[in-house]
Structure formats: structure tokens, C-alpha cells
PDB file of all heavy atoms in Angstrom:
ATOM      1  N   LEU A   1      99.515 104.831 110.943  1.00  0.00           N
ATOM      2  CA  LEU A   1      99.735 106.225 111.221  1.00  0.00           C
ATOM      3  C   LEU A   1      98.581 106.769 112.059  1.00  0.00           C
ATOM      4  O   LEU A   1      98.861 107.679 112.906  1.00  0.00           O
ATOM      5  CB  LEU A   1      99.879 107.005 109.891  1.00  0.00           C
ATOM      6  CG  LEU A   1     101.151 106.625 109.197  1.00  0.00           C
ATOM      7  CD1 LEU A   1     101.116 107.354 107.799  1.00  0.00           C
ATOM      8  CD2 LEU A   1     102.378 107.266 109.966  1.00  0.00           C
ATOM      9  N   VAL A   2      97.353 106.296 111.854  1.00  0.00           N
ATOM     10  CA  VAL A   2      96.231 106.849 112.643  1.00  0.00           C
ATOM     11  C   VAL A   2      95.853 106.126 113.825  1.00  0.00           C
ATOM     12  O   VAL A   2      94.900 106.374 114.510  1.00  0.00           O
ATOM     13  CB  VAL A   2      94.953 107.008 111.724  1.00  0.00           C
ATOM     14  CG1 VAL A   2      95.254 107.980 110.581  1.00  0.00           C
ATOM     15  CG2 VAL A   2      94.519 105.688 111.115  1.00  0.00           C
ATOM     16  N   GLY A   3      96.574 105.007 114.097  1.00  0.00           N
ATOM     17  CA  GLY A   3      96.361 104.254 115.314  1.00  0.00           C
ATOM     18  C   GLY A   3      95.225 103.166 115.213  1.00  0.00           C
ATOM     19  O   GLY A   3      94.823 102.719 116.274  1.00  0.00           O
ATOM     20  N   TRP A   4      94.910 102.804 114.100  1.00  0.00           N
ATOM     21  CA  TRP A   4      93.861 101.781 113.842  1.00  0.00           C
ATOM     22  C   TRP A   4      94.551 100.359 113.977  1.00  0.00           C
ATOM     23  O   TRP A   4      95.668 100.236 113.396  1.00  0.00           O
ATOM     24  CB  TRP A   4      93.210 101.866 112.495  1.00  0.00           C
ATOM     25  CG  TRP A   4      92.178 102.987 112.462  1.00  0.00           C
ATOM     26  CD1 TRP A   4      91.864 103.861 113.419  1.00  0.00           C
ATOM     27  CD2 TRP A   4      91.454 103.427 111.283  1.00  0.00           C
ATOM     28  NE1 TRP A   4      90.959 104.826 112.922  1.00  0.00           N
ATOM     29  CE2 TRP A   4      90.634 104.496 111.634  1.00  0.00           C
ATOM     30  CE3 TRP A   4      91.389 102.855 110.014  1.00  0.00           C
ATOM     31  CZ2 TRP A   4      89.875 105.131 110.765  1.00  0.00           C
ATOM     32  CZ3 TRP A   4      90.475 103.516 109.032  1.00  0.00           C
ATOM     33  CH2 TRP A   4      89.740 104.538 109.495  1.00  0.00           C
ATOM     34  N   CYS A   5      93.854  99.409 114.550  1.00  0.00           N
ATOM     35  CA  CYS A   5      94.236  98.099 114.624  1.00  0.00           C
ATOM     36  C   CYS A   5      93.521  97.233 113.550  1.00  0.00           C
ATOM     37  O   CYS A   5      92.224  97.210 113.653  1.00  0.00           O
ATOM     38  CB  CYS A   5      94.134  97.537 115.983  1.00  0.00           C
ATOM     39  SG  CYS A   5      94.602  95.786 116.203  1.00  0.00           S
ATOM     40  N   ILE A   6      94.167  96.577 112.717  1.00  0.00           N
ATOM     41  CA  ILE A   6      93.407  95.769 111.573  1.00  0.00           C
ATOM     42  C   ILE A   6      93.128  94.437 112.182  1.00  0.00           C
ATOM     43  O   ILE A   6      93.972  93.655 112.605  1.00  0.00           O
ATOM     44  CB  ILE A   6      94.313  95.762 110.355  1.00  0.00           C
ATOM     45  CG1 ILE A   6      94.689  97.006 109.759  1.00  0.00           C
ATOM     46  CG2 ILE A   6      93.629  94.840 109.359  1.00  0.00           C
ATOM     47  CD1 ILE A   6      95.612  96.944 108.509  1.00  0.00           C
ATOM     48  N   PHE A   7      91.811  94.115 112.069  1.00  0.00           N
ATOM     49  CA  PHE A   7      91.246  92.760 112.560  1.00  0.00           C
ATOM     50  C   PHE A   7      91.162  91.879 111.323  1.00  0.00           C
ATOM     51  O   PHE A   7      91.540  90.740 111.420  1.00  0.00           O
ATOM     52  CB  PHE A   7      89.972  93.074 113.269  1.00  0.00           C
ATOM     53  CG  PHE A   7      89.296  91.747 113.667  1.00  0.00           C
ATOM     54  CD1 PHE A   7      89.916  90.998 114.739  1.00  0.00           C
ATOM     55  CD2 PHE A   7      88.268  91.209 113.026  1.00  0.00           C
ATOM     56  CE1 PHE A   7      89.238  89.768 115.098  1.00  0.00           C
ATOM     57  CE2 PHE A   7      87.666  89.937 113.415  1.00  0.00           C
ATOM     58  CZ  PHE A   7      88.205  89.269 114.522  1.00  0.00           C
ATOM     59  N   LYS A   8      90.673  92.399 110.237  1.00  0.00           N
ATOM     60  CA  LYS A   8      90.477  91.668 108.997  1.00  0.00           C
ATOM     61  C   LYS A   8      90.801  92.432 107.829  1.00  0.00           C
ATOM     62  O   LYS A   8      90.385  93.613 107.752  1.00  0.00           O
ATOM     63  CB  LYS A   8      89.166  91.010 109.050  1.00  0.00           C
ATOM     64  CG  LYS A   8      88.708  90.222 107.860  1.00  0.00           C
ATOM     65  CD  LYS A   8      87.374  89.550 107.902  1.00  0.00           C
ATOM     66  CE  LYS A   8      86.398  90.588 107.472  1.00  0.00           C
ATOM     67  NZ  LYS A   8      84.949  90.019 107.213  1.00  0.00           N
ATOM     68  N   LEU A   9      91.423  91.844 106.855  1.00  0.00           N
ATOM     69  CA  LEU A   9      91.740  92.599 105.563  1.00  0.00           C
ATOM     70  C   LEU A   9      91.728  91.484 104.416  1.00  0.00           C
ATOM     71  O   LEU A   9      92.587  90.740 104.339  1.00  0.00           O
ATOM     72  CB  LEU A   9      93.061  93.325 105.652  1.00  0.00           C
ATOM     73  CG  LEU A   9      93.443  94.184 104.329  1.00  0.00           C
ATOM     74  CD1 LEU A   9      92.340  95.157 104.067  1.00  0.00           C
ATOM     75  CD2 LEU A   9      94.767  94.735 104.458  1.00  0.00           C
ATOM     76  N   VAL A  10      90.631  91.508 103.681  1.00  0.00           N
ATOM     77  CA  VAL A  10      90.384  90.446 102.608  1.00  0.00           C
ATOM     78  C   VAL A  10      89.881  91.095 101.422  1.00  0.00           C
ATOM     79  O   VAL A  10      89.343  92.176 101.446  1.00  0.00           O
ATOM     80  CB  VAL A  10      89.428  89.380 103.191  1.00  0.00           C
ATOM     81  CG1 VAL A  10      89.927  88.659 104.428  1.00  0.00           C
ATOM     82  CG2 VAL A  10      88.027  90.020 103.592  1.00  0.00           C
ATOM     83  N   PRO A  11      89.874  90.439 100.340  1.00  0.00           N
ATOM     84  CA  PRO A  11      89.224  90.882  99.034  1.00  0.00           C
ATOM     85  C   PRO A  11      87.757  91.055  99.293  1.00  0.00           C
ATOM     86  O   PRO A  11      87.094  90.169  99.963  1.00  0.00           O
ATOM     87  CB  PRO A  11      89.573  89.719  98.052  1.00  0.00           C
ATOM     88  CG  PRO A  11      90.706  89.157  98.641  1.00  0.00           C
ATOM     89  CD  PRO A  11      90.592  89.121  99.987  1.00  0.00           C
ATOM     90  N   ASN A  12      87.131  92.019  98.795  1.00  0.00           N
ATOM     91  CA  ASN A  12      85.745  92.306  98.853  1.00  0.00           C
ATOM     92  C   ASN A  12      85.008  91.181  98.083  1.00  0.00           C
ATOM     93  O   ASN A  12      85.309  90.969  96.905  1.00  0.00           O
ATOM     94  CB  ASN A  12      85.352  93.661  98.276  1.00  0.00           C
ATOM     95  CG  ASN A  12      83.930  93.994  98.511  1.00  0.00           C
ATOM     96  OD1 ASN A  12      83.092  93.212  98.915  1.00  0.00           O
ATOM     97  ND2 ASN A  12      83.609  95.245  98.019  1.00  0.00           N
ATOM     98  N   VAL A  13      84.053  90.482  98.675  1.00  0.00           N
ATOM     99  CA  VAL A  13      83.334  89.396  98.104  1.00  0.00           C
ATOM    100  C   VAL A  13      82.475  89.948  96.878  1.00  0.00           C
ATOM    101  O   VAL A  13      82.316  89.113  95.885  1.00  0.00           O
ATOM    102  CB  VAL A  13      82.310  88.752  99.144  1.00  0.00           C
ATOM    103  CG1 VAL A  13      81.550  87.717  98.548  1.00  0.00           C
ATOM    104  CG2 VAL A  13      83.059  88.179 100.363  1.00  0.00           C
ATOM    105  N   LYS A  14      81.974  91.088  96.919  1.00  0.00           N
ATOM    106  CA  LYS A  14      81.117  91.673  95.878  1.00  0.00           C
ATOM    107  C   LYS A  14      81.951  92.297  94.762  1.00  0.00           C
ATOM    108  O   LYS A  14      81.377  92.502  93.739  1.00  0.00           O
ATOM    109  CB  LYS A  14      80.098  92.731  96.378  1.00  0.00           C
ATOM    110  CG  LYS A  14      79.137  92.050  97.401  1.00  0.00           C
ATOM    111  CD  LYS A  14      78.185  93.108  97.936  1.00  0.00           C
ATOM    112  CE  LYS A  14      77.264  92.428  98.920  1.00  0.00           C
ATOM    113  NZ  LYS A  14      76.213  93.421  99.462  1.00  0.00           N
ATOM    114  N   ASN A  15      83.172  92.697  94.947  1.00  0.00           N
ATOM    115  CA  ASN A  15      84.126  93.239  93.907  1.00  0.00           C
ATOM    116  C   ASN A  15      85.411  92.870  94.306  1.00  0.00           C
ATOM    117  O   ASN A  15      86.146  93.556  95.135  1.00  0.00           O
ATOM    118  CB  ASN A  15      83.854  94.724  93.901  1.00  0.00           C
ATOM    119  CG  ASN A  15      84.653  95.405  92.867  1.00  0.00           C
ATOM    120  OD1 ASN A  15      85.593  94.771  92.240  1.00  0.00           O
ATOM    121  ND2 ASN A  15      84.260  96.653  92.568  1.00  0.00           N
ATOM    122  N   LYS A  16      86.056  91.932  93.621  1.00  0.00           N
ATOM    123  CA  LYS A  16      87.401  91.348  93.913  1.00  0.00           C
ATOM    124  C   LYS A  16      88.419  92.358  93.725  1.00  0.00           C
ATOM    125  O   LYS A  16      89.704  92.083  94.168  1.00  0.00           O
ATOM    126  CB  LYS A  16      87.666  90.089  93.065  1.00  0.00           C
ATOM    127  CG  LYS A  16      86.674  88.896  93.284  1.00  0.00           C
ATOM    128  CD  LYS A  16      86.929  88.391  94.637  1.00  0.00           C
ATOM    129  CE  LYS A  16      86.028  87.125  94.915  1.00  0.00           C
ATOM    130  NZ  LYS A  16      86.053  86.684  96.219  1.00  0.00           N
ATOM    131  N   LYS A  17      88.274  93.478  93.039  1.00  0.00           N
ATOM    132  CA  LYS A  17      89.154  94.508  92.807  1.00  0.00           C
ATOM    133  C   LYS A  17      89.400  95.356  93.972  1.00  0.00           C
ATOM    134  O   LYS A  17      90.268  96.176  94.111  1.00  0.00           O
ATOM    135  CB  LYS A  17      88.852  95.223  91.539  1.00  0.00           C
ATOM    136  CG  LYS A  17      88.924  94.509  90.219  1.00  0.00           C
ATOM    137  CD  LYS A  17      88.602  95.354  89.085  1.00  0.00           C
ATOM    138  CE  LYS A  17      88.678  94.592  87.895  1.00  0.00           C
ATOM    139  NZ  LYS A  17      88.207  95.419  86.713  1.00  0.00           N
ATOM    140  N   GLN A  18      88.488  95.209  94.977  1.00  0.00           N
ATOM    141  CA  GLN A  18      88.464  96.041  96.200  1.00  0.00           C
ATOM    142  C   GLN A  18      88.855  95.205  97.355  1.00  0.00           C
ATOM    143  O   GLN A  18      88.820  93.927  97.291  1.00  0.00           O
ATOM    144  CB  GLN A  18      87.076  96.642  96.433  1.00  0.00           C
ATOM    145  CG  GLN A  18      86.571  97.583  95.347  1.00  0.00           C
ATOM    146  CD  GLN A  18      85.185  98.067  95.689  1.00  0.00           C
ATOM    147  OE1 GLN A  18      84.459  97.463  96.484  1.00  0.00           O
ATOM    148  NE2 GLN A  18      84.748  99.199  95.043  1.00  0.00           N
ATOM    149  N   LEU A  19      89.214  95.859  98.401  1.00  0.00           N
ATOM    150  CA  LEU A  19      89.505  95.171  99.705  1.00  0.00           C
ATOM    151  C   LEU A  19      88.327  95.558 100.765  1.00  0.00           C
ATOM    152  O   LEU A  19      87.912  96.613 100.679  1.00  0.00           O
ATOM    153  CB  LEU A  19      90.864  95.525 100.205  1.00  0.00           C
ATOM    154  CG  LEU A  19      92.120  95.107  99.456  1.00  0.00           C
ATOM    155  CD1 LEU A  19      93.380  95.708 100.010  1.00  0.00           C
ATOM    156  CD2 LEU A  19      92.250  93.648  99.444  1.00  0.00           C
ATOM    157  N   GLN A  20      88.107  94.681 101.592  1.00  0.00           N
ATOM    158  CA  GLN A  20      87.248  94.886 102.676  1.00  0.00           C
ATOM    159  C   GLN A  20      88.017  94.623 104.006  1.00  0.00           C
ATOM    160  O   GLN A  20      88.750  93.701 104.077  1.00  0.00           O
ATOM    161  CB  GLN A  20      86.079  94.010 102.594  1.00  0.00           C
ATOM    162  CG  GLN A  20      84.988  94.283 103.675  1.00  0.00           C
ATOM    163  CD  GLN A  20      83.751  93.306 103.404  1.00  0.00           C
ATOM    164  OE1 GLN A  20      83.750  92.579 102.447  1.00  0.00           O
ATOM    165  NE2 GLN A  20      82.763  93.418 104.153  1.00  0.00           N
ATOM    166  N   SER A  21      87.838  95.676 104.984  1.00  0.00           N
ATOM    167  CA  SER A  21      88.548  95.462 106.180  1.00  0.00           C
ATOM    168  C   SER A  21      87.657  95.837 107.378  1.00  0.00           C
ATOM    169  O   SER A  21      86.656  96.668 107.236  1.00  0.00           O
ATOM    170  CB  SER A  21      89.725  96.463 106.187  1.00  0.00           C
ATOM    171  OG  SER A  21      90.410  96.441 107.355  1.00  0.00           O
ATOM    172  N   VAL A  22      88.047  95.292 108.508  1.00  0.00           N
ATOM    173  CA  VAL A  22      87.394  95.531 109.804  1.00  0.00           C
ATOM    174  C   VAL A  22      88.492  96.001 110.660  1.00  0.00           C
ATOM    175  O   VAL A  22      89.644  95.405 110.756  1.00  0.00           O
ATOM    176  CB  VAL A  22      86.700  94.250 110.456  1.00  0.00           C
ATOM    177  CG1 VAL A  22      86.337  94.789 111.934  1.00  0.00           C
ATOM    178  CG2 VAL A  22      85.622  93.939 109.619  1.00  0.00           C
ATOM    179  N   VAL A  23      88.504  97.245 111.147  1.00  0.00           N
ATOM    180  CA  VAL A  23      89.500  97.811 112.031  1.00  0.00           C
ATOM    181  C   VAL A  23      88.979  98.304 113.307  1.00  0.00           C
ATOM    182  O   VAL A  23      87.713  98.476 113.363  1.00  0.00           O
ATOM    183  CB  VAL A  23      90.297  99.018 111.253  1.00  0.00           C
ATOM    184  CG1 VAL A  23      90.934  98.454 110.058  1.00  0.00           C
ATOM    185  CG2 VAL A  23      89.342 100.141 111.063  1.00  0.00           C
ATOM    186  N   PHE A  24      89.759  98.581 114.378  1.00  0.00           N
ATOM    187  CA  PHE A  24      89.364  99.164 115.536  1.00  0.00           C
ATOM    188  C   PHE A  24      90.170 100.431 115.746  1.00  0.00           C
ATOM    189  O   PHE A  24      91.442 100.322 115.532  1.00  0.00           O
ATOM    190  CB  PHE A  24      89.548  98.214 116.693  1.00  0.00           C
ATOM    191  CG  PHE A  24      88.696  96.984 116.650  1.00  0.00           C
ATOM    192  CD1 PHE A  24      89.020  95.774 116.077  1.00  0.00           C
ATOM    193  CD2 PHE A  24      87.445  97.112 117.312  1.00  0.00           C
ATOM    194  CE1 PHE A  24      88.188  94.737 116.015  1.00  0.00           C
ATOM    195  CE2 PHE A  24      86.492  96.042 117.148  1.00  0.00           C
ATOM    196  CZ  PHE A  24      86.831  94.874 116.633  1.00  0.00           C
ATOM    197  N   ASP A  25      89.467 101.451 116.072  1.00  0.00           N
ATOM    198  CA  ASP A  25      90.209 102.689 116.394  1.00  0.00           C
ATOM    199  C   ASP A  25      90.843 102.710 117.788  1.00  0.00           C
ATOM    200  O   ASP A  25      90.623 101.823 118.543  1.00  0.00           O
ATOM    201  CB  ASP A  25      89.222 103.998 116.177  1.00  0.00           C
ATOM    202  CG  ASP A  25      88.125 104.055 117.232  1.00  0.00           C
ATOM    203  OD1 ASP A  25      88.130 103.402 118.266  1.00  0.00           O
ATOM    204  OD2 ASP A  25      87.259 104.879 116.963  1.00  0.00           O
ATOM    205  N   PRO A  26      91.530 103.748 118.146  1.00  0.00           N
ATOM    206  CA  PRO A  26      92.239 103.824 119.469  1.00  0.00           C
ATOM    207  C   PRO A  26      91.298 103.597 120.652  1.00  0.00           C
ATOM    208  O   PRO A  26      91.594 103.193 121.734  1.00  0.00           O
ATOM    209  CB  PRO A  26      93.020 105.027 119.512  1.00  0.00           C
ATOM    210  CG  PRO A  26      93.295 105.298 118.120  1.00  0.00           C
ATOM    211  CD  PRO A  26      91.981 104.875 117.319  1.00  0.00           C
ATOM    212  N   ASP A  27      89.981 103.990 120.441  1.00  0.00           N
ATOM    213  CA  ASP A  27      88.929 103.974 121.494  1.00  0.00           C
ATOM    214  C   ASP A  27      88.282 102.623 121.539  1.00  0.00           C
ATOM    215  O   ASP A  27      87.384 102.380 122.312  1.00  0.00           O
ATOM    216  CB  ASP A  27      87.901 105.121 121.327  1.00  0.00           C
ATOM    217  CG  ASP A  27      88.606 106.430 121.445  1.00  0.00           C
ATOM    218  OD1 ASP A  27      89.471 106.581 122.189  1.00  0.00           O
ATOM    219  OD2 ASP A  27      88.067 107.367 120.733  1.00  0.00           O
ATOM    220  N   GLY A  28      88.507 101.723 120.542  1.00  0.00           N
ATOM    221  CA  GLY A  28      88.056 100.380 120.485  1.00  0.00           C
ATOM    222  C   GLY A  28      86.818 100.219 119.699  1.00  0.00           C
ATOM    223  O   GLY A  28      86.147  99.218 119.797  1.00  0.00           O
ATOM    224  N   ASN A  29      86.465 101.324 118.950  1.00  0.00           N
ATOM    225  CA  ASN A  29      85.239 101.260 118.101  1.00  0.00           C
ATOM    226  C   ASN A  29      85.517 100.586 116.853  1.00  0.00           C
ATOM    227  O   ASN A  29      86.664 100.714 116.208  1.00  0.00           O
ATOM    228  CB  ASN A  29      84.820 102.733 117.793  1.00  0.00           C
ATOM    229  CG  ASN A  29      84.525 103.525 119.052  1.00  0.00           C
ATOM    230  OD1 ASN A  29      83.808 103.036 119.874  1.00  0.00           O
ATOM    231  ND2 ASN A  29      85.092 104.684 119.141  1.00  0.00           N
ATOM    232  N   LYS A  30      84.632  99.667 116.490  1.00  0.00           N
ATOM    233  CA  LYS A  30      84.789  98.861 115.218  1.00  0.00           C
ATOM    234  C   LYS A  30      84.422  99.738 114.039  1.00  0.00           C
ATOM    235  O   LYS A  30      83.442 100.392 113.993  1.00  0.00           O
ATOM    236  CB  LYS A  30      83.861  97.673 115.310  1.00  0.00           C
ATOM    237  CG  LYS A  30      83.924  96.740 114.060  1.00  0.00           C
ATOM    238  CD  LYS A  30      82.851  95.592 114.251  1.00  0.00           C
ATOM    239  CE  LYS A  30      82.625  95.077 112.873  1.00  0.00           C
ATOM    240  NZ  LYS A  30      81.313  94.512 112.769  1.00  0.00           N
ATOM    241  N   ILE A  31      85.234  99.656 113.010  1.00  0.00           N
ATOM    242  CA  ILE A  31      84.952 100.369 111.763  1.00  0.00           C
ATOM    243  C   ILE A  31      85.040  99.383 110.619  1.00  0.00           C
ATOM    244  O   ILE A  31      86.081  98.714 110.454  1.00  0.00           O
ATOM    245  CB  ILE A  31      85.984 101.465 111.579  1.00  0.00           C
ATOM    246  CG1 ILE A  31      86.048 102.453 112.795  1.00  0.00           C
ATOM    247  CG2 ILE A  31      85.651 102.261 110.211  1.00  0.00           C
ATOM    248  CD1 ILE A  31      87.121 103.397 112.755  1.00  0.00           C
ATOM    249  N   ASP A  32      84.043  99.301 109.748  1.00  0.00           N
ATOM    250  CA  ASP A  32      83.977  98.506 108.547  1.00  0.00           C
ATOM    251  C   ASP A  32      84.422  99.492 107.448  1.00  0.00           C
ATOM    252  O   ASP A  32      83.880 100.492 107.223  1.00  0.00           O
ATOM    253  CB  ASP A  32      82.661  97.882 108.279  1.00  0.00           C
ATOM    254  CG  ASP A  32      82.282  96.923 109.411  1.00  0.00           C
ATOM    255  OD1 ASP A  32      83.086  96.015 109.468  1.00  0.00           O
ATOM    256  OD2 ASP A  32      81.247  97.112 109.961  1.00  0.00           O
ATOM    257  N   VAL A  33      85.407  99.041 106.621  1.00  0.00           N
ATOM    258  CA  VAL A  33      86.004  99.839 105.515  1.00  0.00           C
ATOM    259  C   VAL A  33      86.145  99.010 104.289  1.00  0.00           C
ATOM    260  O   VAL A  33      86.418  97.914 104.184  1.00  0.00           O
ATOM    261  CB  VAL A  33      87.450 100.352 105.975  1.00  0.00           C
ATOM    262  CG1 VAL A  33      87.975 101.182 104.868  1.00  0.00           C
ATOM    263  CG2 VAL A  33      87.371 101.102 107.226  1.00  0.00           C
ATOM    264  N   ILE A  34      85.753  99.752 103.122  1.00  0.00           N
ATOM    265  CA  ILE A  34      86.038  99.274 101.856  1.00  0.00           C
ATOM    266  C   ILE A  34      87.065 100.103 101.181  1.00  0.00           C
ATOM    267  O   ILE A  34      87.067 101.368 101.337  1.00  0.00           O
ATOM    268  CB  ILE A  34      84.770  99.331 100.932  1.00  0.00           C
ATOM    269  CG1 ILE A  34      83.624  98.453 101.381  1.00  0.00           C
ATOM    270  CG2 ILE A  34      85.097  99.007  99.409  1.00  0.00           C
ATOM    271  CD1 ILE A  34      83.828  97.007 101.235  1.00  0.00           C
ATOM    272  N   ILE A  35      88.182  99.479 100.638  1.00  0.00           N
ATOM    273  CA  ILE A  35      89.238 100.158 100.013  1.00  0.00           C
ATOM    274  C   ILE A  35      88.958  99.972  98.475  1.00  0.00           C
ATOM    275  O   ILE A  35      89.078  98.887  97.997  1.00  0.00           O
ATOM    276  CB  ILE A  35      90.657  99.562 100.430  1.00  0.00           C
ATOM    277  CG1 ILE A  35      90.771  99.723 101.931  1.00  0.00           C
ATOM    278  CG2 ILE A  35      91.764 100.384  99.718  1.00  0.00           C
ATOM    279  CD1 ILE A  35      90.554  98.453 102.738  1.00  0.00           C
ATOM    280  N   THR A  36      88.810 101.189  97.788  1.00  0.00           N
ATOM    281  CA  THR A  36      88.507 101.016  96.398  1.00  0.00           C
ATOM    282  C   THR A  36      89.723 100.834  95.554  1.00  0.00           C
ATOM    283  O   THR A  36      90.857 101.083  96.182  1.00  0.00           O
ATOM    284  CB  THR A  36      87.765 102.368  95.864  1.00  0.00           C
ATOM    285  OG1 THR A  36      88.645 103.377  95.926  1.00  0.00           O
ATOM    286  CG2 THR A  36      86.560 102.467  96.671  1.00  0.00           C
ATOM    287  N   GLU A  37      89.734 100.416  94.286  1.00  0.00           N
ATOM    288  CA  GLU A  37      90.960 100.229  93.482  1.00  0.00           C
ATOM    289  C   GLU A  37      91.632 101.564  93.153  1.00  0.00           C
ATOM    290  O   GLU A  37      92.782 101.574  92.817  1.00  0.00           O
ATOM    291  CB  GLU A  37      90.600  99.458  92.287  1.00  0.00           C
ATOM    292  CG  GLU A  37      89.671 100.000  91.247  1.00  0.00           C
ATOM    293  CD  GLU A  37      89.340  99.074  90.174  1.00  0.00           C
ATOM    294  OE1 GLU A  37      90.275  98.509  89.709  1.00  0.00           O
ATOM    295  OE2 GLU A  37      88.215  98.994  89.725  1.00  0.00           O
ATOM    296  N   SER A  38      90.911 102.712  93.408  1.00  0.00           N
ATOM    297  CA  SER A  38      91.590 103.986  93.192  1.00  0.00           C
ATOM    298  C   SER A  38      92.219 104.472  94.510  1.00  0.00           C
ATOM    299  O   SER A  38      92.795 105.548  94.513  1.00  0.00           O
ATOM    300  CB  SER A  38      90.566 105.035  92.766  1.00  0.00           C
ATOM    301  OG  SER A  38      89.565 105.317  93.728  1.00  0.00           O
ATOM    302  N   GLY A  39      92.112 103.721  95.588  1.00  0.00           N
ATOM    303  CA  GLY A  39      92.737 104.029  96.842  1.00  0.00           C
ATOM    304  C   GLY A  39      91.849 104.799  97.863  1.00  0.00           C
ATOM    305  O   GLY A  39      92.371 105.317  98.922  1.00  0.00           O
ATOM    306  N   ARG A  40      90.658 105.037  97.563  1.00  0.00           N
ATOM    307  CA  ARG A  40      89.678 105.708  98.441  1.00  0.00           C
ATOM    308  C   ARG A  40      89.270 104.830  99.505  1.00  0.00           C
ATOM    309  O   ARG A  40      89.091 103.564  99.281  1.00  0.00           O
ATOM    310  CB  ARG A  40      88.510 106.343  97.777  1.00  0.00           C
ATOM    311  CG  ARG A  40      88.799 107.328  96.700  1.00  0.00           C
ATOM    312  CD  ARG A  40      87.704 107.960  95.948  1.00  0.00           C
ATOM    313  NE  ARG A  40      86.426 107.778  96.542  1.00  0.00           N
ATOM    314  CZ  ARG A  40      85.327 107.353  95.898  1.00  0.00           C
ATOM    315  NH1 ARG A  40      85.451 107.012  94.570  1.00  0.00           N
ATOM    316  NH2 ARG A  40      84.098 107.104  96.535  1.00  0.00           N
ATOM    317  N   TYR A  41      89.024 105.274 100.702  1.00  0.00           N
ATOM    318  CA  TYR A  41      88.514 104.419 101.852  1.00  0.00           C
ATOM    319  C   TYR A  41      87.046 104.849 102.197  1.00  0.00           C
ATOM    320  O   TYR A  41      86.832 106.050 102.479  1.00  0.00           O
ATOM    321  CB  TYR A  41      89.366 104.741 103.115  1.00  0.00           C
ATOM    322  CG  TYR A  41      90.754 104.381 102.951  1.00  0.00           C
ATOM    323  CD1 TYR A  41      91.766 104.947 103.695  1.00  0.00           C
ATOM    324  CD2 TYR A  41      91.299 103.507 101.885  1.00  0.00           C
ATOM    325  CE1 TYR A  41      93.268 104.664 103.595  1.00  0.00           C
ATOM    326  CE2 TYR A  41      92.596 103.181 101.713  1.00  0.00           C
ATOM    327  CZ  TYR A  41      93.534 103.709 102.550  1.00  0.00           C
ATOM    328  OH  TYR A  41      94.848 103.481 102.322  1.00  0.00           O
ATOM    329  N   ILE A  42      86.233 103.966 102.142  1.00  0.00           N
ATOM    330  CA  ILE A  42      84.723 104.134 102.428  1.00  0.00           C
ATOM    331  C   ILE A  42      84.355 103.455 103.615  1.00  0.00           C
ATOM    332  O   ILE A  42      84.557 102.233 103.875  1.00  0.00           O
ATOM    333  CB  ILE A  42      83.904 103.497 101.199  1.00  0.00           C
ATOM    334  CG1 ILE A  42      84.509 104.055  99.899  1.00  0.00           C
ATOM    335  CG2 ILE A  42      82.481 103.828 101.361  1.00  0.00           C
ATOM    336  CD1 ILE A  42      84.377 105.596  99.636  1.00  0.00           C
ATOM    337  N   LYS A  43      83.865 104.260 104.644  1.00  0.00           N
ATOM    338  CA  LYS A  43      83.307 103.752 105.906  1.00  0.00           C
ATOM    339  C   LYS A  43      81.976 103.294 105.711  1.00  0.00           C
ATOM    340  O   LYS A  43      81.161 104.057 105.328  1.00  0.00           O
ATOM    341  CB  LYS A  43      83.519 104.801 107.047  1.00  0.00           C
ATOM    342  CG  LYS A  43      83.097 104.421 108.298  1.00  0.00           C
ATOM    343  CD  LYS A  43      83.244 105.590 109.319  1.00  0.00           C
ATOM    344  CE  LYS A  43      82.699 105.167 110.632  1.00  0.00           C
ATOM    345  NZ  LYS A  43      83.025 106.331 111.565  1.00  0.00           N
ATOM    346  N   LEU A  44      81.670 102.020 106.075  1.00  0.00           N
ATOM    347  CA  LEU A  44      80.295 101.500 105.902  1.00  0.00           C
ATOM    348  C   LEU A  44      79.583 101.783 107.243  1.00  0.00           C
ATOM    349  O   LEU A  44      80.129 101.425 108.299  1.00  0.00           O
ATOM    350  CB  LEU A  44      80.355  99.979 105.676  1.00  0.00           C
ATOM    351  CG  LEU A  44      81.143  99.649 104.426  1.00  0.00           C
ATOM    352  CD1 LEU A  44      81.199  98.065 104.277  1.00  0.00           C
ATOM    353  CD2 LEU A  44      80.554 100.223 103.175  1.00  0.00           C
ATOM    354  N   LEU A  45      78.456 102.481 107.129  1.00  0.00           N
ATOM    355  CA  LEU A  45      77.658 102.776 108.412  1.00  0.00           C
ATOM    356  C   LEU A  45      76.522 101.925 108.646  1.00  0.00           C
ATOM    357  O   LEU A  45      75.816 102.090 109.636  1.00  0.00           O
ATOM    358  CB  LEU A  45      77.125 104.230 108.069  1.00  0.00           C
ATOM    359  CG  LEU A  45      78.275 105.366 107.765  1.00  0.00           C
ATOM    360  CD1 LEU A  45      77.596 106.627 107.440  1.00  0.00           C
ATOM    361  CD2 LEU A  45      79.209 105.500 108.964  1.00  0.00           C
ATOM    362  N   GLY A  46      76.228 100.950 107.701  1.00  0.00           N
ATOM    363  CA  GLY A  46      74.979 100.094 107.950  1.00  0.00           C
ATOM    364  C   GLY A  46      73.863 100.690 107.115  1.00  0.00           C
ATOM    365  O   GLY A  46      73.713 101.876 106.763  1.00  0.00           O
ATOM    366  N   ASN A  47      72.715  99.793 106.928  1.00  0.00           N
ATOM    367  CA  ASN A  47      71.586 100.084 106.243  1.00  0.00           C
ATOM    368  C   ASN A  47      71.895 100.904 104.932  1.00  0.00           C
ATOM    369  O   ASN A  47      71.271 101.883 104.550  1.00  0.00           O
ATOM    370  CB  ASN A  47      70.595 101.136 107.079  1.00  0.00           C
ATOM    371  CG  ASN A  47      70.090 100.270 108.228  1.00  0.00           C
ATOM    372  OD1 ASN A  47      69.916  99.142 108.223  1.00  0.00           O
ATOM    373  ND2 ASN A  47      69.915 101.075 109.361  1.00  0.00           N
TER     374      ASN A  47
END
């Protein structure tokens, strides 16, 4: 719906109840996302 292209979607290594994803937005920017078990999406910014 938002135009993101999923590159990778796997279980989170640190918490198997969550998912970890790498997506690219329509402008080609890479976004690292954690999907929590409650359905929230967390954008990882680094550091």
C-alpha cells in the first residue's frame, strides 16, 4: 500500500517472536524495520 519493496523478511535473531525486514521506499532508500508481536513497526536508525 505504501510502495515499499521488501528485500528481506525474516525472524528477528534477538527475539524470535518478532520479524526483521529490509525494505526500499519508492525513492530507493533502504529502511531497516522490526515488526513487533503487537504489530508495531519500528524503524532502526543506527547507533
